[in-house]
Amino acid sequence: MILGLLILSNRTIYQLRSRIDKGLNIMYSSSTGSIQAAIKKLLNNGYIDYRDIQDNGKKKKEYYITDAGRQEFNTWINSPIDSAGIKCPELSKIYFMGFSKQKKRFENTQEYITELKNKYDSLKMICDESELFMHSNNYDNLDKEAKDIIFFQLATARFGRDLMSFAIKWYEQFLIEMRKSDE
């Protein structure tokens, strides 16, 4: 994920985190700790490097991809899609929810539905804006490679949006079923 984002543009850790938070966090954790761990590993492998920059009087590290990083990214992106499947760690909470207090079951599930709706709204906005852009003159003037990049990024956002839509419906139905089972 980090290599791909750095191919698009050089970024600070803050910029990486902000970009991941804008729709990519369904694929990758946007926690500073996760990003810093990935950055450290990529630096140690020589896949990225950094330069010190000044931003509003503050010294920051701006990371960029190296030739070795581009080669590693190209190897990864051209390999088959991993068939490990989608993992939903939040389902472990559902699996063991019978041990929780009844009131907390409803509260936590409703809170999670709210989070899902917020993610859905963000992804829907990205999809809507991207689809508008794809029907504009600016898009028509792009070369084939740029159009391909946009196409696949939009496909990923649509997958996330549709996944959030499914999850919202599933958890809302689950909430109804929980209420019925408590009657």
Foldseek 3Di string as FASTA:
>chain_A
DVLVVQVVHWAFLVRVLVVCVLQVCLPPPSDSVRSVVVVVVCVVVQQKDWDWDADPNDTTTTIHGDPVVVVVVVVVVPDDDDPPDDDDVCVVCVVPVVPDDLVVVLVVLVVVLVVLVVSLVSLVVVLVVLVVVCPDVVVVPDDPVVVVVSVVVSVSSVVSNVVSVVVSVVSVVVSVVSVVVVD
